[in-house]
Amino acid sequence: KCLVVNVRSDPCLFTFDSHDWLPYAIREYSSIQHVVENQHQSGIDLQDMEVKCREDVISIVKAKRESVFYFYDDITFFENQPIARKATAPDYLLVGEEIYNGAIVGKHGIRPSLKT
């Protein structure tokens, strides 16, 4: 038997890139250096924040009639940034619970691997 505990305290979204899901911390729009904090330190609150952010990202992409959202791998020097990732539906943006539950059952996420 094993026990899997998620000790993350910062909300993030996961995007698919070639062979794996990559985590992106949710940042304050007005201050990109600051991660959005989970004030209540509850896993349920954290998941709610991630789901809300995912919905916001998908809404922005649809409103712009685009298929991608822009993510930053480097927020120090901003070299070769931002990076476009497909974000038209929840299948392209997973939340922590979906990733970690998938890892428990031996998958790269609950949803099937995406092909880019």
PDB file of N, CA and C in Angstrom:
ATOM      1  N   LYS A   1       0.837  -1.178   0.000  1.00  0.00           N
ATOM      2  CA  LYS A   1       0.000   0.000   0.000  1.00  0.00           C
ATOM      3  C   LYS A   1       0.878   1.237   0.000  1.00  0.00           C
ATOM      4  N   CYS A   2       0.314   2.306  -0.522  1.00  0.00           N
ATOM      5  CA  CYS A   2       1.041   3.574  -0.495  1.00  0.00           C
ATOM      6  C   CYS A   2       0.065   4.709  -0.221  1.00  0.00           C
ATOM      7  N   LEU A   3       0.602   5.778   0.266  1.00  0.00           N
ATOM      8  CA  LEU A   3      -0.180   6.975   0.544  1.00  0.00           C
ATOM      9  C   LEU A   3       0.406   8.101  -0.292  1.00  0.00           C
ATOM     10  N   VAL A   4      -0.441   8.744  -1.082  1.00  0.00           N
ATOM     11  CA  VAL A   4       0.009   9.854  -1.912  1.00  0.00           C
ATOM     12  C   VAL A   4      -0.601  11.128  -1.356  1.00  0.00           C
ATOM     13  N   VAL A   5       0.258  12.093  -1.042  1.00  0.00           N
ATOM     14  CA  VAL A   5      -0.197  13.350  -0.457  1.00  0.00           C
ATOM     15  C   VAL A   5       0.261  14.499  -1.349  1.00  0.00           C
ATOM     16  N   ASN A   6      -0.662  15.349  -1.715  1.00  0.00           N
ATOM     17  CA  ASN A   6      -0.331  16.532  -2.504  1.00  0.00           C
ATOM     18  C   ASN A   6       0.027  17.647  -1.535  1.00  0.00           C
ATOM     19  N   VAL A   7       1.278  18.073  -1.538  1.00  0.00           N
ATOM     20  CA  VAL A   7       1.728  19.101  -0.601  1.00  0.00           C
ATOM     21  C   VAL A   7       1.841  20.480  -1.252  1.00  0.00           C
ATOM     22  N   ARG A   8       1.372  20.590  -2.489  1.00  0.00           N
ATOM     23  CA  ARG A   8       1.412  21.889  -3.156  1.00  0.00           C
ATOM     24  C   ARG A   8       0.512  22.875  -2.423  1.00  0.00           C
ATOM     25  N   SER A   9       0.929  24.114  -2.374  1.00  0.00           N
ATOM     26  CA  SER A   9       0.080  25.145  -1.776  1.00  0.00           C
ATOM     27  C   SER A   9      -0.240  26.247  -2.772  1.00  0.00           C
ATOM     28  N   ASP A  10       0.382  26.203  -3.950  1.00  0.00           N
ATOM     29  CA  ASP A  10       0.129  27.210  -4.974  1.00  0.00           C
ATOM     30  C   ASP A  10      -0.713  26.610  -6.090  1.00  0.00           C
ATOM     31  N   PRO A  11      -1.717  27.342  -6.547  1.00  0.00           N
ATOM     32  CA  PRO A  11      -2.531  26.829  -7.650  1.00  0.00           C
ATOM     33  C   PRO A  11      -1.743  26.852  -8.959  1.00  0.00           C
ATOM     34  N   CYS A  12      -1.966  25.858  -9.800  1.00  0.00           N
ATOM     35  CA  CYS A  12      -1.320  25.858 -11.111  1.00  0.00           C
ATOM     36  C   CYS A  12      -2.173  25.098 -12.117  1.00  0.00           C
ATOM     37  N   LEU A  13      -1.896  25.353 -13.382  1.00  0.00           N
ATOM     38  CA  LEU A  13      -2.521  24.633 -14.482  1.00  0.00           C
ATOM     39  C   LEU A  13      -1.437  23.827 -15.180  1.00  0.00           C
ATOM     40  N   PHE A  14      -1.826  22.722 -15.775  1.00  0.00           N
ATOM     41  CA  PHE A  14      -0.889  21.870 -16.494  1.00  0.00           C
ATOM     42  C   PHE A  14      -1.251  21.889 -17.969  1.00  0.00           C
ATOM     43  N   THR A  15      -0.251  22.128 -18.822  1.00  0.00           N
ATOM     44  CA  THR A  15      -0.460  22.108 -20.265  1.00  0.00           C
ATOM     45  C   THR A  15       0.378  20.987 -20.860  1.00  0.00           C
ATOM     46  N   PHE A  16      -0.085  20.471 -21.983  1.00  0.00           N
ATOM     47  CA  PHE A  16       0.589  19.334 -22.606  1.00  0.00           C
ATOM     48  C   PHE A  16       1.629  19.809 -23.604  1.00  0.00           C
ATOM     49  N   ASP A  17       2.813  19.204 -23.535  1.00  0.00           N
ATOM     50  CA  ASP A  17       3.885  19.537 -24.472  1.00  0.00           C
ATOM     51  C   ASP A  17       4.583  18.261 -24.912  1.00  0.00           C
ATOM     52  N   SER A  18       4.383  17.859 -26.094  1.00  0.00           N
ATOM     53  CA  SER A  18       4.959  16.688 -26.760  1.00  0.00           C
ATOM     54  C   SER A  18       4.748  15.365 -26.017  1.00  0.00           C
ATOM     55  N   HIS A  19       5.278  15.193 -24.820  1.00  0.00           N
ATOM     56  CA  HIS A  19       5.150  13.894 -24.153  1.00  0.00           C
ATOM     57  C   HIS A  19       4.708  13.972 -22.696  1.00  0.00           C
ATOM     58  N   ASP A  20       4.483  15.163 -22.184  1.00  0.00           N
ATOM     59  CA  ASP A  20       4.196  15.262 -20.755  1.00  0.00           C
ATOM     60  C   ASP A  20       3.380  16.514 -20.456  1.00  0.00           C
ATOM     61  N   TRP A  21       2.830  16.550 -19.263  1.00  0.00           N
ATOM     62  CA  TRP A  21       2.087  17.713 -18.783  1.00  0.00           C
ATOM     63  C   TRP A  21       3.044  18.609 -18.003  1.00  0.00           C
ATOM     64  N   LEU A  22       3.063  19.892 -18.349  1.00  0.00           N
ATOM     65  CA  LEU A  22       3.957  20.855 -17.701  1.00  0.00           C
ATOM     66  C   LEU A  22       3.167  21.757 -16.760  1.00  0.00           C
ATOM     67  N   PRO A  23       3.648  21.966 -15.521  1.00  0.00           N
ATOM     68  CA  PRO A  23       2.932  22.829 -14.576  1.00  0.00           C
ATOM     69  C   PRO A  23       3.273  24.302 -14.792  1.00  0.00           C
ATOM     70  N   TYR A  24       2.260  25.137 -14.672  1.00  0.00           N
ATOM     71  CA  TYR A  24       2.447  26.588 -14.714  1.00  0.00           C
ATOM     72  C   TYR A  24       1.732  27.187 -13.512  1.00  0.00           C
ATOM     73  N   ALA A  25       2.482  27.862 -12.650  1.00  0.00           N
ATOM     74  CA  ALA A  25       1.892  28.509 -11.476  1.00  0.00           C
ATOM     75  C   ALA A  25       1.028  29.677 -11.938  1.00  0.00           C
ATOM     76  N   ILE A  26      -0.078  29.867 -11.272  1.00  0.00           N
ATOM     77  CA  ILE A  26      -0.977  30.973 -11.593  1.00  0.00           C
ATOM     78  C   ILE A  26      -0.434  32.221 -10.908  1.00  0.00           C
ATOM     79  N   ARG A  27      -0.177  33.246 -11.700  1.00  0.00           N
ATOM     80  CA  ARG A  27       0.461  34.475 -11.214  1.00  0.00           C
ATOM     81  C   ARG A  27      -0.518  35.637 -11.188  1.00  0.00           C
ATOM     82  N   GLU A  28      -0.188  36.627 -10.368  1.00  0.00           N
ATOM     83  CA  GLU A  28      -0.961  37.870 -10.329  1.00  0.00           C
ATOM     84  C   GLU A  28      -0.751  38.611 -11.647  1.00  0.00           C
ATOM     85  N   TYR A  29      -1.822  39.055 -12.294  1.00  0.00           N
ATOM     86  CA  TYR A  29      -1.710  39.754 -13.575  1.00  0.00           C
ATOM     87  C   TYR A  29      -0.924  41.046 -13.435  1.00  0.00           C
ATOM     88  N   SER A  30      -1.179  41.776 -12.376  1.00  0.00           N
ATOM     89  CA  SER A  30      -0.524  43.075 -12.187  1.00  0.00           C
ATOM     90  C   SER A  30       0.914  42.951 -11.677  1.00  0.00           C
ATOM     91  N   SER A  31       1.285  41.776 -11.179  1.00  0.00           N
ATOM     92  CA  SER A  31       2.637  41.565 -10.657  1.00  0.00           C
ATOM     93  C   SER A  31       3.044  40.119 -10.928  1.00  0.00           C
ATOM     94  N   ILE A  32       3.603  39.895 -12.108  1.00  0.00           N
ATOM     95  CA  ILE A  32       3.893  38.533 -12.560  1.00  0.00           C
ATOM     96  C   ILE A  32       4.853  37.775 -11.640  1.00  0.00           C
ATOM     97  N   GLN A  33       5.604  38.482 -10.824  1.00  0.00           N
ATOM     98  CA  GLN A  33       6.547  37.829  -9.914  1.00  0.00           C
ATOM     99  C   GLN A  33       5.850  37.167  -8.725  1.00  0.00           C
ATOM    100  N   HIS A  34       4.577  37.477  -8.499  1.00  0.00           N
ATOM    101  CA  HIS A  34       3.862  36.945  -7.338  1.00  0.00           C
ATOM    102  C   HIS A  34       2.879  35.848  -7.738  1.00  0.00           C
ATOM    103  N   VAL A  35       3.041  34.694  -7.123  1.00  0.00           N
ATOM    104  CA  VAL A  35       2.135  33.573  -7.342  1.00  0.00           C
ATOM    105  C   VAL A  35       0.840  33.859  -6.596  1.00  0.00           C
ATOM    106  N   VAL A  36      -0.296  33.529  -7.223  1.00  0.00           N
ATOM    107  CA  VAL A  36      -1.578  33.651  -6.534  1.00  0.00           C
ATOM    108  C   VAL A  36      -1.536  32.687  -5.358  1.00  0.00           C
ATOM    109  N   GLU A  37      -1.853  33.179  -4.181  1.00  0.00           N
ATOM    110  CA  GLU A  37      -1.760  32.348  -2.985  1.00  0.00           C
ATOM    111  C   GLU A  37      -3.097  31.740  -2.621  1.00  0.00           C
ATOM    112  N   ASN A  38      -3.032  30.560  -2.052  1.00  0.00           N
ATOM    113  CA  ASN A  38      -4.207  29.883  -1.533  1.00  0.00           C
ATOM    114  C   ASN A  38      -4.343  30.313  -0.074  1.00  0.00           C
ATOM    115  N   GLN A  39      -5.102  31.358   0.152  1.00  0.00           N
ATOM    116  CA  GLN A  39      -5.205  31.957   1.484  1.00  0.00           C
ATOM    117  C   GLN A  39      -5.736  30.997   2.551  1.00  0.00           C
ATOM    118  N   HIS A  40      -6.615  30.105   2.174  1.00  0.00           N
ATOM    119  CA  HIS A  40      -7.252  29.234   3.166  1.00  0.00           C
ATOM    120  C   HIS A  40      -6.496  27.924   3.374  1.00  0.00           C
ATOM    121  N   GLN A  41      -5.486  27.660   2.549  1.00  0.00           N
ATOM    122  CA  GLN A  41      -4.671  26.452   2.667  1.00  0.00           C
ATOM    123  C   GLN A  41      -5.507  25.176   2.681  1.00  0.00           C
ATOM    124  N   SER A  42      -6.515  25.141   1.852  1.00  0.00           N
ATOM    125  CA  SER A  42      -7.367  23.964   1.739  1.00  0.00           C
ATOM    126  C   SER A  42      -7.228  23.397   0.335  1.00  0.00           C
ATOM    127  N   GLY A  43      -7.108  22.092   0.227  1.00  0.00           N
ATOM    128  CA  GLY A  43      -7.027  21.458  -1.084  1.00  0.00           C
ATOM    129  C   GLY A  43      -8.245  21.729  -1.933  1.00  0.00           C
ATOM    130  N   ILE A  44      -9.409  21.828  -1.290  1.00  0.00           N
ATOM    131  CA  ILE A  44     -10.644  22.117  -2.023  1.00  0.00           C
ATOM    132  C   ILE A  44     -10.589  23.527  -2.586  1.00  0.00           C
ATOM    133  N   ASP A  45     -10.142  24.491  -1.778  1.00  0.00           N
ATOM    134  CA  ASP A  45     -10.014  25.869  -2.252  1.00  0.00           C
ATOM    135  C   ASP A  45      -9.009  25.953  -3.392  1.00  0.00           C
ATOM    136  N   LEU A  46      -7.920  25.234  -3.271  1.00  0.00           N
ATOM    137  CA  LEU A  46      -6.886  25.223  -4.296  1.00  0.00           C
ATOM    138  C   LEU A  46      -7.457  24.705  -5.612  1.00  0.00           C
ATOM    139  N   GLN A  47      -8.179  23.616  -5.548  1.00  0.00           N
ATOM    140  CA  GLN A  47      -8.784  23.052  -6.752  1.00  0.00           C
ATOM    141  C   GLN A  47      -9.790  24.029  -7.354  1.00  0.00           C
ATOM    142  N   ASP A  48     -10.595  24.673  -6.523  1.00  0.00           N
ATOM    143  CA  ASP A  48     -11.564  25.656  -7.022  1.00  0.00           C
ATOM    144  C   ASP A  48     -10.868  26.807  -7.741  1.00  0.00           C
ATOM    145  N   MET A  49      -9.748  27.265  -7.193  1.00  0.00           N
ATOM    146  CA  MET A  49      -8.982  28.343  -7.831  1.00  0.00           C
ATOM    147  C   MET A  49      -8.459  27.896  -9.189  1.00  0.00           C
ATOM    148  N   GLU A  50      -7.963  26.671  -9.259  1.00  0.00           N
ATOM    149  CA  GLU A  50      -7.429  26.153 -10.517  1.00  0.00           C
ATOM    150  C   GLU A  50      -8.529  26.005 -11.564  1.00  0.00           C
ATOM    151  N   VAL A  51      -9.669  25.473 -11.164  1.00  0.00           N
ATOM    152  CA  VAL A  51     -10.787  25.301 -12.099  1.00  0.00           C
ATOM    153  C   VAL A  51     -11.273  26.657 -12.593  1.00  0.00           C
ATOM    154  N   LYS A  52     -11.377  27.631 -11.698  1.00  0.00           N
ATOM    155  CA  LYS A  52     -11.811  28.982 -12.087  1.00  0.00           C
ATOM    156  C   LYS A  52     -10.822  29.603 -13.070  1.00  0.00           C
ATOM    157  N   CYS A  53      -9.548  29.458 -12.811  1.00  0.00           N
ATOM    158  CA  CYS A  53      -8.524  29.998 -13.706  1.00  0.00           C
ATOM    159  C   CYS A  53      -8.603  29.317 -15.071  1.00  0.00           C
ATOM    160  N   ARG A  54      -8.781  28.002 -15.074  1.00  0.00           N
ATOM    161  CA  ARG A  54      -8.908  27.277 -16.346  1.00  0.00           C
ATOM    162  C   ARG A  54     -10.095  27.804 -17.139  1.00  0.00           C
ATOM    163  N   GLU A  55     -11.225  28.005 -16.477  1.00  0.00           N
ATOM    164  CA  GLU A  55     -12.405  28.549 -17.156  1.00  0.00           C
ATOM    165  C   GLU A  55     -12.121  29.937 -17.715  1.00  0.00           C
ATOM    166  N   ASP A  56     -11.417  30.763 -16.943  1.00  0.00           N
ATOM    167  CA  ASP A  56     -11.062  32.113 -17.402  1.00  0.00           C
ATOM    168  C   ASP A  56     -10.169  32.061 -18.637  1.00  0.00           C
ATOM    169  N   VAL A  57      -9.172  31.192 -18.621  1.00  0.00           N
ATOM    170  CA  VAL A  57      -8.254  31.070 -19.761  1.00  0.00           C
ATOM    171  C   VAL A  57      -9.022  30.647 -21.011  1.00  0.00           C
ATOM    172  N   ILE A  58      -9.863  29.644 -20.887  1.00  0.00           N
ATOM    173  CA  ILE A  58     -10.632  29.164 -22.041  1.00  0.00           C
ATOM    174  C   ILE A  58     -11.565  30.256 -22.552  1.00  0.00           C
ATOM    175  N   SER A  59     -12.178  31.013 -21.642  1.00  0.00           N
ATOM    176  CA  SER A  59     -13.055  32.124 -22.049  1.00  0.00           C
ATOM    177  C   SER A  59     -12.284  33.192 -22.817  1.00  0.00           C
ATOM    178  N   ILE A  60     -11.086  33.513 -22.353  1.00  0.00           N
ATOM    179  CA  ILE A  60     -10.253  34.516 -23.032  1.00  0.00           C
ATOM    180  C   ILE A  60      -9.889  34.034 -24.433  1.00  0.00           C
ATOM    181  N   VAL A  61      -9.485  32.781 -24.543  1.00  0.00           N
ATOM    182  CA  VAL A  61      -9.105  32.216 -25.843  1.00  0.00           C
ATOM    183  C   VAL A  61     -10.290  32.261 -26.804  1.00  0.00           C
ATOM    184  N   LYS A  62     -11.465  31.872 -26.322  1.00  0.00           N
ATOM    185  CA  LYS A  62     -12.659  31.884 -27.176  1.00  0.00           C
ATOM    186  C   LYS A  62     -13.055  33.299 -27.558  1.00  0.00           C
ATOM    187  N   ALA A  63     -12.967  34.235 -26.614  1.00  0.00           N
ATOM    188  CA  ALA A  63     -13.330  35.629 -26.896  1.00  0.00           C
ATOM    189  C   ALA A  63     -12.430  36.228 -27.975  1.00  0.00           C
ATOM    190  N   LYS A  64     -11.177  35.817 -27.989  1.00  0.00           N
ATOM    191  CA  LYS A  64     -10.229  36.320 -28.993  1.00  0.00           C
ATOM    192  C   LYS A  64     -10.290  35.522 -30.295  1.00  0.00           C
ATOM    193  N   ARG A  65     -11.130  34.487 -30.305  1.00  0.00           N
ATOM    194  CA  ARG A  65     -11.257  33.600 -31.464  1.00  0.00           C
ATOM    195  C   ARG A  65      -9.907  33.011 -31.863  1.00  0.00           C
ATOM    196  N   GLU A  66      -9.191  32.596 -30.864  1.00  0.00           N
ATOM    197  CA  GLU A  66      -7.891  31.963 -31.062  1.00  0.00           C
ATOM    198  C   GLU A  66      -7.960  30.533 -30.538  1.00  0.00           C
ATOM    199  N   SER A  67      -6.874  29.812 -30.659  1.00  0.00           N
ATOM    200  CA  SER A  67      -6.834  28.444 -30.139  1.00  0.00           C
ATOM    201  C   SER A  67      -5.721  28.254 -29.114  1.00  0.00           C
ATOM    202  N   VAL A  68      -4.948  29.323 -28.858  1.00  0.00           N
ATOM    203  CA  VAL A  68      -3.820  29.201 -27.931  1.00  0.00           C
ATOM    204  C   VAL A  68      -3.878  30.267 -26.842  1.00  0.00           C
ATOM    205  N   PHE A  69      -3.194  29.958 -25.746  1.00  0.00           N
ATOM    206  CA  PHE A  69      -2.988  30.903 -24.659  1.00  0.00           C
ATOM    207  C   PHE A  69      -1.479  30.952 -24.457  1.00  0.00           C
ATOM    208  N   TYR A  70      -0.985  32.057 -23.951  1.00  0.00           N
ATOM    209  CA  TYR A  70       0.464  32.229 -23.844  1.00  0.00           C
ATOM    210  C   TYR A  70       0.939  32.035 -22.409  1.00  0.00           C
ATOM    211  N   PHE A  71       1.939  31.168 -22.259  1.00  0.00           N
ATOM    212  CA  PHE A  71       2.514  30.822 -20.969  1.00  0.00           C
ATOM    213  C   PHE A  71       3.982  31.229 -20.951  1.00  0.00           C
ATOM    214  N   TYR A  72       4.487  31.481 -19.754  1.00  0.00           N
ATOM    215  CA  TYR A  72       5.882  31.901 -19.590  1.00  0.00           C
ATOM    216  C   TYR A  72       6.670  30.840 -18.835  1.00  0.00           C
ATOM    217  N   ASP A  73       7.771  30.385 -19.446  1.00  0.00           N
ATOM    218  CA  ASP A  73       8.691  29.471 -18.764  1.00  0.00           C
ATOM    219  C   ASP A  73       9.752  30.251 -18.000  1.00  0.00           C
ATOM    220  N   ASP A  74      10.059  31.442 -18.467  1.00  0.00           N
ATOM    221  CA  ASP A  74      11.126  32.258 -17.880  1.00  0.00           C
ATOM    222  C   ASP A  74      10.574  33.641 -17.552  1.00  0.00           C
ATOM    223  N   ILE A  75      10.359  33.907 -16.276  1.00  0.00           N
ATOM    224  CA  ILE A  75       9.846  35.231 -15.892  1.00  0.00           C
ATOM    225  C   ILE A  75      10.939  36.108 -15.292  1.00  0.00           C
ATOM    226  N   THR A  76      12.173  35.680 -15.439  1.00  0.00           N
ATOM    227  CA  THR A  76      13.296  36.490 -14.981  1.00  0.00           C
ATOM    228  C   THR A  76      13.854  37.324 -16.126  1.00  0.00           C
ATOM    229  N   PHE A  77      14.177  36.663 -17.226  1.00  0.00           N
ATOM    230  CA  PHE A  77      14.769  37.359 -18.370  1.00  0.00           C
ATOM    231  C   PHE A  77      13.821  37.442 -19.567  1.00  0.00           C
ATOM    232  N   PHE A  78      12.750  36.659 -19.543  1.00  0.00           N
ATOM    233  CA  PHE A  78      11.737  36.638 -20.603  1.00  0.00           C
ATOM    234  C   PHE A  78      12.318  36.300 -21.973  1.00  0.00           C
ATOM    235  N   GLU A  79      13.372  35.489 -21.996  1.00  0.00           N
ATOM    236  CA  GLU A  79      13.969  35.086 -23.265  1.00  0.00           C
ATOM    237  C   GLU A  79      13.079  34.055 -23.951  1.00  0.00           C
ATOM    238  N   ASN A  80      12.828  34.272 -25.232  1.00  0.00           N
ATOM    239  CA  ASN A  80      11.993  33.378 -26.049  1.00  0.00           C
ATOM    240  C   ASN A  80      10.612  33.162 -25.433  1.00  0.00           C
ATOM    241  N   GLN A  81      10.065  34.196 -24.862  1.00  0.00           N
ATOM    242  CA  GLN A  81       8.774  34.099 -24.184  1.00  0.00           C
ATOM    243  C   GLN A  81       7.767  35.036 -24.834  1.00  0.00           C
ATOM    244  N   PRO A  82       6.511  34.828 -24.735  1.00  0.00           N
ATOM    245  CA  PRO A  82       5.820  33.687 -24.127  1.00  0.00           C
ATOM    246  C   PRO A  82       5.762  32.497 -25.088  1.00  0.00           C
ATOM    247  N   ILE A  83       5.260  31.387 -24.564  1.00  0.00           N
ATOM    248  CA  ILE A  83       5.126  30.160 -25.341  1.00  0.00           C
ATOM    249  C   ILE A  83       3.640  29.884 -25.535  1.00  0.00           C
ATOM    250  N   ALA A  84       3.244  29.679 -26.784  1.00  0.00           N
ATOM    251  CA  ALA A  84       1.838  29.409 -27.094  1.00  0.00           C
ATOM    252  C   ALA A  84       1.526  27.937 -26.828  1.00  0.00           C
ATOM    253  N   ARG A  85       0.434  27.702 -26.103  1.00  0.00           N
ATOM    254  CA  ARG A  85      -0.039  26.343 -25.841  1.00  0.00           C
ATOM    255  C   ARG A  85      -1.529  26.296 -26.174  1.00  0.00           C
ATOM    256  N   LYS A  86      -1.948  25.207 -26.773  1.00  0.00           N
ATOM    257  CA  LYS A  86      -3.351  25.040 -27.125  1.00  0.00           C
ATOM    258  C   LYS A  86      -4.196  25.068 -25.853  1.00  0.00           C
ATOM    259  N   ALA A  87      -5.297  25.822 -25.902  1.00  0.00           N
ATOM    260  CA  ALA A  87      -6.129  25.978 -24.698  1.00  0.00           C
ATOM    261  C   ALA A  87      -7.581  26.251 -25.064  1.00  0.00           C
ATOM    262  N   THR A  88      -8.145  25.422 -25.921  1.00  0.00           N
ATOM    263  CA  THR A  88      -9.517  25.650 -26.364  1.00  0.00           C
ATOM    264  C   THR A  88     -10.561  24.912 -25.539  1.00  0.00           C
ATOM    265  N   ALA A  89     -10.117  23.975 -24.706  1.00  0.00           N
ATOM    266  CA  ALA A  89     -11.051  23.166 -23.919  1.00  0.00           C
ATOM    267  C   ALA A  89     -10.337  22.645 -22.671  1.00  0.00           C
ATOM    268  N   PRO A  90     -11.101  22.183 -21.676  1.00  0.00           N
ATOM    269  CA  PRO A  90     -10.481  21.659 -20.458  1.00  0.00           C
ATOM    270  C   PRO A  90      -9.505  20.507 -20.707  1.00  0.00           C
ATOM    271  N   ASP A  91      -9.659  19.794 -21.814  1.00  0.00           N
ATOM    272  CA  ASP A  91      -8.731  18.701 -22.118  1.00  0.00           C
ATOM    273  C   ASP A  91      -7.302  19.177 -22.311  1.00  0.00           C
ATOM    274  N   TYR A  92      -7.122  20.453 -22.614  1.00  0.00           N
ATOM    275  CA  TYR A  92      -5.784  21.001 -22.850  1.00  0.00           C
ATOM    276  C   TYR A  92      -5.190  21.676 -21.615  1.00  0.00           C
ATOM    277  N   LEU A  93      -5.990  21.862 -20.587  1.00  0.00           N
ATOM    278  CA  LEU A  93      -5.535  22.503 -19.346  1.00  0.00           C
ATOM    279  C   LEU A  93      -6.031  21.673 -18.170  1.00  0.00           C
ATOM    280  N   LEU A  94      -5.159  20.919 -17.573  1.00  0.00           N
ATOM    281  CA  LEU A  94      -5.571  20.105 -16.432  1.00  0.00           C
ATOM    282  C   LEU A  94      -5.263  20.822 -15.130  1.00  0.00           C
ATOM    283  N   VAL A  95      -6.021  20.485 -14.100  1.00  0.00           N
ATOM    284  CA  VAL A  95      -5.770  21.008 -12.759  1.00  0.00           C
ATOM    285  C   VAL A  95      -5.027  19.928 -11.972  1.00  0.00           C
ATOM    286  N   GLY A  96      -4.482  20.313 -10.838  1.00  0.00           N
ATOM    287  CA  GLY A  96      -3.664  19.407 -10.046  1.00  0.00           C
ATOM    288  C   GLY A  96      -4.309  18.073  -9.734  1.00  0.00           C
ATOM    289  N   GLU A  97      -5.558  18.085  -9.317  1.00  0.00           N
ATOM    290  CA  GLU A  97      -6.221  16.838  -8.946  1.00  0.00           C
ATOM    291  C   GLU A  97      -6.268  15.861 -10.120  1.00  0.00           C
ATOM    292  N   GLU A  98      -6.505  16.375 -11.319  1.00  0.00           N
ATOM    293  CA  GLU A  98      -6.557  15.505 -12.495  1.00  0.00           C
ATOM    294  C   GLU A  98      -5.194  14.880 -12.783  1.00  0.00           C
ATOM    295  N   ILE A  99      -4.146  15.656 -12.633  1.00  0.00           N
ATOM    296  CA  ILE A  99      -2.791  15.145 -12.860  1.00  0.00           C
ATOM    297  C   ILE A  99      -2.416  14.115 -11.800  1.00  0.00           C
ATOM    298  N   TYR A 100      -2.626  14.447 -10.529  1.00  0.00           N
ATOM    299  CA  TYR A 100      -2.192  13.562  -9.450  1.00  0.00           C
ATOM    300  C   TYR A 100      -3.041  12.303  -9.358  1.00  0.00           C
ATOM    301  N   ASN A 101      -4.334  12.397  -9.618  1.00  0.00           N
ATOM    302  CA  ASN A 101      -5.156  11.191  -9.639  1.00  0.00           C
ATOM    303  C   ASN A 101      -4.725  10.282 -10.777  1.00  0.00           C
ATOM    304  N   GLY A 102      -4.376  10.870 -11.911  1.00  0.00           N
ATOM    305  CA  GLY A 102      -3.882  10.079 -13.032  1.00  0.00           C
ATOM    306  C   GLY A 102      -2.574   9.388 -12.702  1.00  0.00           C
ATOM    307  N   ALA A 103      -1.700  10.061 -11.958  1.00  0.00           N
ATOM    308  CA  ALA A 103      -0.412   9.471 -11.577  1.00  0.00           C
ATOM    309  C   ALA A 103      -0.609   8.271 -10.658  1.00  0.00           C
ATOM    310  N   ILE A 104      -1.617   8.343  -9.814  1.00  0.00           N
ATOM    311  CA  ILE A 104      -1.881   7.241  -8.888  1.00  0.00           C
ATOM    312  C   ILE A 104      -2.253   5.978  -9.650  1.00  0.00           C
ATOM    313  N   VAL A 105      -3.018   6.132 -10.727  1.00  0.00           N
ATOM    314  CA  VAL A 105      -3.432   4.965 -11.505  1.00  0.00           C
ATOM    315  C   VAL A 105      -2.484   4.686 -12.662  1.00  0.00           C
ATOM    316  N   GLY A 106      -1.362   5.402 -12.716  1.00  0.00           N
ATOM    317  CA  GLY A 106      -0.326   5.098 -13.688  1.00  0.00           C
ATOM    318  C   GLY A 106      -0.479   5.732 -15.044  1.00  0.00           C
ATOM    319  N   LYS A 107      -1.177   6.858 -15.121  1.00  0.00           N
ATOM    320  CA  LYS A 107      -1.336   7.553 -16.393  1.00  0.00           C
ATOM    321  C   LYS A 107      -0.685   8.921 -16.285  1.00  0.00           C
ATOM    322  N   HIS A 108      -0.540   9.611 -17.426  1.00  0.00           N
ATOM    323  CA  HIS A 108       0.016  10.969 -17.427  1.00  0.00           C
ATOM    324  C   HIS A 108      -1.074  11.998 -17.199  1.00  0.00           C
ATOM    325  N   GLY A 109      -2.158  11.617 -16.640  1.00  0.00           N
ATOM    326  CA  GLY A 109      -3.291  12.499 -16.426  1.00  0.00           C
ATOM    327  C   GLY A 109      -4.544  11.672 -16.635  1.00  0.00           C
ATOM    328  N   ILE A 110      -5.647  12.125 -16.146  1.00  0.00           N
ATOM    329  CA  ILE A 110      -6.887  11.377 -16.296  1.00  0.00           C
ATOM    330  C   ILE A 110      -7.290  11.312 -17.759  1.00  0.00           C
ATOM    331  N   ARG A 111      -7.146  12.411 -18.447  1.00  0.00           N
ATOM    332  CA  ARG A 111      -7.511  12.441 -19.853  1.00  0.00           C
ATOM    333  C   ARG A 111      -6.410  11.771 -20.670  1.00  0.00           C
ATOM    334  N   PRO A 112      -6.760  11.254 -21.840  1.00  0.00           N
ATOM    335  CA  PRO A 112      -5.723  10.608 -22.653  1.00  0.00           C
ATOM    336  C   PRO A 112      -4.654  11.596 -23.084  1.00  0.00           C
ATOM    337  N   SER A 113      -3.482  11.088 -23.385  1.00  0.00           N
ATOM    338  CA  SER A 113      -2.399  11.946 -23.859  1.00  0.00           C
ATOM    339  C   SER A 113      -2.838  12.660 -25.123  1.00  0.00           C
ATOM    340  N   LEU A 114      -2.495  13.926 -25.204  1.00  0.00           N
ATOM    341  CA  LEU A 114      -2.854  14.722 -26.365  1.00  0.00           C
ATOM    342  C   LEU A 114      -1.738  14.676 -27.384  1.00  0.00           C
ATOM    343  N   LYS A 115      -2.102  14.786 -28.628  1.00  0.00           N
ATOM    344  CA  LYS A 115      -1.103  14.878 -29.700  1.00  0.00           C
ATOM    345  C   LYS A 115      -1.094  16.301 -30.192  1.00  0.00           C
ATOM    346  N   THR A 116       0.100  16.897 -30.243  1.00  0.00           N
ATOM    347  CA  THR A 116       0.204  18.285 -30.689  1.00  0.00           C
ATOM    348  C   THR A 116       0.502  18.342 -32.157  1.00  0.00           C
TER     349      THR A 116
END
